[in-house]
Amino acid sequence: MSEFVTEQELARARTDAAFRQRLLAVSLQWLLDALKRMRGSETPTPEAARQMREGVALAVQLAERLQAGLPDNGPKAA
């Protein structure tokens, strides 16, 4: 998988659940790495702060989608 998602990868992700999970995981890692680099910036600007907020919101969405695709093996309520 490349740094940016291609149309071919998106098409495959629509039909291949395992590939979709890997694509989400790789995308989440890429986003978290980018946020870490931004956080280390010495001169944050209002635009950078806005981008970080958007990035965090997107990271949460990706994490929720990843968790939704994983089997739940935790304890069940009686």
N, C-alpha and C. Protein backbone atom coordinates (compact mmCIF):
# COMPACT_ATOMS: atom_id res chain seq x y z
N MET A 1 0.84 -1.18 0.00
CA MET A 1 0.00 0.00 0.00
C MET A 1 0.89 1.24 0.00
N SER A 2 0.49 2.18 -0.79
CA SER A 2 1.27 3.41 -0.89
C SER A 2 0.92 4.38 0.23
N GLU A 3 1.66 5.49 0.29
CA GLU A 3 1.38 6.49 1.31
C GLU A 3 -0.02 7.06 1.15
N PHE A 4 -0.43 7.25 -0.10
CA PHE A 4 -1.77 7.75 -0.38
C PHE A 4 -2.60 6.61 -0.97
N VAL A 5 -3.87 6.59 -0.65
CA VAL A 5 -4.75 5.52 -1.10
C VAL A 5 -5.13 5.76 -2.56
N THR A 6 -5.00 4.72 -3.36
CA THR A 6 -5.35 4.81 -4.77
C THR A 6 -6.80 4.39 -4.99
N GLU A 7 -7.33 4.72 -6.13
CA GLU A 7 -8.69 4.30 -6.48
C GLU A 7 -8.79 2.79 -6.50
N GLN A 8 -7.74 2.12 -6.95
CA GLN A 8 -7.73 0.66 -6.99
C GLN A 8 -7.81 0.08 -5.57
N GLU A 9 -7.07 0.69 -4.64
CA GLU A 9 -7.12 0.22 -3.25
C GLU A 9 -8.49 0.47 -2.64
N LEU A 10 -9.09 1.61 -2.94
CA LEU A 10 -10.45 1.89 -2.44
C LEU A 10 -11.45 0.87 -2.98
N ALA A 11 -11.34 0.54 -4.25
CA ALA A 11 -12.25 -0.44 -4.85
C ALA A 11 -12.08 -1.80 -4.18
N ARG A 12 -10.84 -2.19 -3.95
CA ARG A 12 -10.59 -3.48 -3.29
C ARG A 12 -11.11 -3.47 -1.85
N ALA A 13 -10.94 -2.35 -1.15
CA ALA A 13 -11.39 -2.24 0.24
C ALA A 13 -12.90 -2.39 0.35
N ARG A 14 -13.62 -2.03 -0.70
CA ARG A 14 -15.09 -2.15 -0.67
C ARG A 14 -15.55 -3.60 -0.69
N THR A 15 -14.71 -4.49 -1.21
CA THR A 15 -15.12 -5.89 -1.35
C THR A 15 -14.31 -6.87 -0.50
N ASP A 16 -13.19 -6.44 0.05
CA ASP A 16 -12.29 -7.32 0.80
C ASP A 16 -12.16 -6.78 2.23
N ALA A 17 -12.86 -7.40 3.15
CA ALA A 17 -12.91 -6.90 4.54
C ALA A 17 -11.52 -6.92 5.19
N ALA A 18 -10.73 -7.96 4.96
CA ALA A 18 -9.40 -8.03 5.57
C ALA A 18 -8.51 -6.92 5.03
N PHE A 19 -8.58 -6.67 3.73
CA PHE A 19 -7.80 -5.59 3.13
C PHE A 19 -8.26 -4.24 3.67
N ARG A 20 -9.57 -4.08 3.84
CA ARG A 20 -10.12 -2.82 4.37
C ARG A 20 -9.57 -2.57 5.77
N GLN A 21 -9.52 -3.61 6.61
CA GLN A 21 -8.98 -3.45 7.97
C GLN A 21 -7.51 -3.04 7.92
N ARG A 22 -6.73 -3.69 7.04
CA ARG A 22 -5.31 -3.33 6.92
C ARG A 22 -5.16 -1.90 6.43
N LEU A 23 -5.98 -1.50 5.45
CA LEU A 23 -5.93 -0.15 4.91
C LEU A 23 -6.27 0.88 6.00
N LEU A 24 -7.27 0.60 6.80
CA LEU A 24 -7.62 1.49 7.90
C LEU A 24 -6.48 1.58 8.92
N ALA A 25 -5.88 0.45 9.25
CA ALA A 25 -4.78 0.44 10.22
C ALA A 25 -3.58 1.22 9.71
N VAL A 26 -3.22 1.03 8.46
CA VAL A 26 -2.09 1.75 7.87
C VAL A 26 -2.41 3.24 7.81
N SER A 27 -3.62 3.58 7.44
CA SER A 27 -4.02 4.99 7.37
C SER A 27 -4.00 5.64 8.74
N LEU A 28 -4.46 4.92 9.75
CA LEU A 28 -4.45 5.45 11.11
C LEU A 28 -3.01 5.68 11.58
N GLN A 29 -2.12 4.74 11.31
CA GLN A 29 -0.72 4.91 11.71
C GLN A 29 -0.10 6.10 11.00
N TRP A 30 -0.37 6.25 9.71
CA TRP A 30 0.16 7.38 8.95
C TRP A 30 -0.34 8.70 9.55
N LEU A 31 -1.62 8.75 9.87
CA LEU A 31 -2.21 9.96 10.44
C LEU A 31 -1.61 10.27 11.82
N LEU A 32 -1.46 9.26 12.66
CA LEU A 32 -0.87 9.48 13.98
C LEU A 32 0.58 9.97 13.87
N ASP A 33 1.33 9.42 12.93
CA ASP A 33 2.70 9.88 12.72
C ASP A 33 2.72 11.34 12.28
N ALA A 34 1.81 11.72 11.40
CA ALA A 34 1.73 13.11 10.93
C ALA A 34 1.35 14.04 12.09
N LEU A 35 0.43 13.61 12.93
CA LEU A 35 0.04 14.43 14.08
C LEU A 35 1.22 14.59 15.05
N LYS A 36 1.98 13.53 15.24
CA LYS A 36 3.14 13.61 16.12
C LYS A 36 4.16 14.62 15.58
N ARG A 37 4.39 14.60 14.27
CA ARG A 37 5.31 15.57 13.67
C ARG A 37 4.79 16.99 13.85
N MET A 38 3.49 17.19 13.65
CA MET A 38 2.90 18.52 13.80
C MET A 38 3.00 19.00 15.25
N ARG A 39 2.78 18.09 16.18
CA ARG A 39 2.83 18.45 17.59
C ARG A 39 4.23 18.92 17.98
N GLY A 40 5.26 18.37 17.34
CA GLY A 40 6.63 18.75 17.63
C GLY A 40 7.04 20.06 16.99
N SER A 41 6.18 20.66 16.21
CA SER A 41 6.48 21.92 15.55
C SER A 41 6.73 23.01 16.59
N GLU A 42 7.78 23.82 16.35
CA GLU A 42 8.14 24.86 17.32
C GLU A 42 7.24 26.08 17.25
N THR A 43 6.66 26.35 16.10
CA THR A 43 5.84 27.56 15.95
C THR A 43 4.44 27.19 15.45
N PRO A 44 3.60 26.69 16.35
CA PRO A 44 2.25 26.33 15.93
C PRO A 44 1.46 27.58 15.49
N THR A 45 0.73 27.45 14.42
CA THR A 45 -0.11 28.53 13.93
C THR A 45 -1.57 28.15 14.15
N PRO A 46 -2.48 29.11 14.06
CA PRO A 46 -3.90 28.76 14.17
C PRO A 46 -4.32 27.72 13.13
N GLU A 47 -3.75 27.81 11.93
CA GLU A 47 -4.07 26.83 10.87
C GLU A 47 -3.57 25.44 11.27
N ALA A 48 -2.37 25.37 11.84
CA ALA A 48 -1.84 24.08 12.29
C ALA A 48 -2.71 23.49 13.40
N ALA A 49 -3.18 24.35 14.30
CA ALA A 49 -4.05 23.88 15.39
C ALA A 49 -5.36 23.33 14.82
N ARG A 50 -5.91 24.02 13.83
CA ARG A 50 -7.14 23.55 13.19
C ARG A 50 -6.90 22.20 12.52
N GLN A 51 -5.78 22.07 11.81
CA GLN A 51 -5.46 20.81 11.14
C GLN A 51 -5.27 19.68 12.15
N MET A 52 -4.67 19.99 13.28
CA MET A 52 -4.49 18.96 14.30
C MET A 52 -5.83 18.50 14.86
N ARG A 53 -6.75 19.45 15.11
CA ARG A 53 -8.08 19.07 15.59
C ARG A 53 -8.78 18.18 14.58
N GLU A 54 -8.70 18.54 13.30
CA GLU A 54 -9.32 17.71 12.26
C GLU A 54 -8.66 16.34 12.20
N GLY A 55 -7.33 16.31 12.34
CA GLY A 55 -6.60 15.04 12.30
C GLY A 55 -6.99 14.14 13.46
N VAL A 56 -7.13 14.72 14.64
CA VAL A 56 -7.53 13.94 15.81
C VAL A 56 -8.94 13.38 15.61
N ALA A 57 -9.85 14.19 15.09
CA ALA A 57 -11.22 13.73 14.84
C ALA A 57 -11.21 12.58 13.83
N LEU A 58 -10.40 12.70 12.79
CA LEU A 58 -10.30 11.64 11.79
C LEU A 58 -9.69 10.39 12.39
N ALA A 59 -8.69 10.55 13.24
CA ALA A 59 -8.06 9.39 13.89
C ALA A 59 -9.07 8.64 14.75
N VAL A 60 -9.92 9.37 15.44
CA VAL A 60 -10.96 8.73 16.26
C VAL A 60 -11.92 7.95 15.36
N GLN A 61 -12.32 8.54 14.24
CA GLN A 61 -13.23 7.84 13.32
C GLN A 61 -12.58 6.57 12.78
N LEU A 62 -11.30 6.65 12.37
CA LEU A 62 -10.60 5.47 11.87
C LEU A 62 -10.51 4.39 12.94
N ALA A 63 -10.18 4.79 14.17
CA ALA A 63 -10.08 3.82 15.27
C ALA A 63 -11.43 3.15 15.53
N GLU A 64 -12.50 3.92 15.49
CA GLU A 64 -13.84 3.34 15.69
C GLU A 64 -14.17 2.35 14.59
N ARG A 65 -13.83 2.67 13.36
CA ARG A 65 -14.09 1.74 12.26
C ARG A 65 -13.26 0.48 12.39
N LEU A 66 -12.01 0.63 12.82
CA LEU A 66 -11.18 -0.55 13.03
C LEU A 66 -11.76 -1.44 14.12
N GLN A 67 -12.18 -0.83 15.22
CA GLN A 67 -12.74 -1.60 16.33
C GLN A 67 -14.05 -2.26 15.92
N ALA A 68 -14.83 -1.62 15.09
CA ALA A 68 -16.11 -2.19 14.65
C ALA A 68 -15.88 -3.44 13.81
N GLY A 69 -14.75 -3.50 13.13
CA GLY A 69 -14.47 -4.64 12.26
C GLY A 69 -13.80 -5.80 12.97
N LEU A 70 -13.39 -5.60 14.21
CA LEU A 70 -12.72 -6.67 14.95
C LEU A 70 -13.75 -7.50 15.71
N PRO A 71 -13.50 -8.81 15.82
CA PRO A 71 -14.42 -9.62 16.61
C PRO A 71 -14.36 -9.24 18.07
N ASP A 72 -15.49 -9.23 18.72
CA ASP A 72 -15.58 -8.87 20.14
C ASP A 72 -15.52 -10.15 20.95
N ASN A 73 -14.38 -10.39 21.57
CA ASN A 73 -14.21 -11.61 22.38
C ASN A 73 -14.30 -11.32 23.87
N GLY A 74 -14.77 -10.15 24.22
CA GLY A 74 -14.86 -9.76 25.61
C GLY A 74 -16.03 -10.41 26.31
N PRO A 75 -16.13 -10.20 27.63
CA PRO A 75 -17.23 -10.80 28.40
C PRO A 75 -18.58 -10.23 27.97
N LYS A 76 -19.57 -11.04 28.03
CA LYS A 76 -20.94 -10.64 27.65
C LYS A 76 -21.79 -10.51 28.91
N ALA A 77 -22.72 -9.58 28.87
CA ALA A 77 -23.66 -9.40 29.98
C ALA A 77 -24.63 -10.57 30.01
N ALA A 78 -25.05 -10.95 31.20
CA ALA A 78 -25.97 -12.08 31.36
C ALA A 78 -27.38 -11.69 31.04
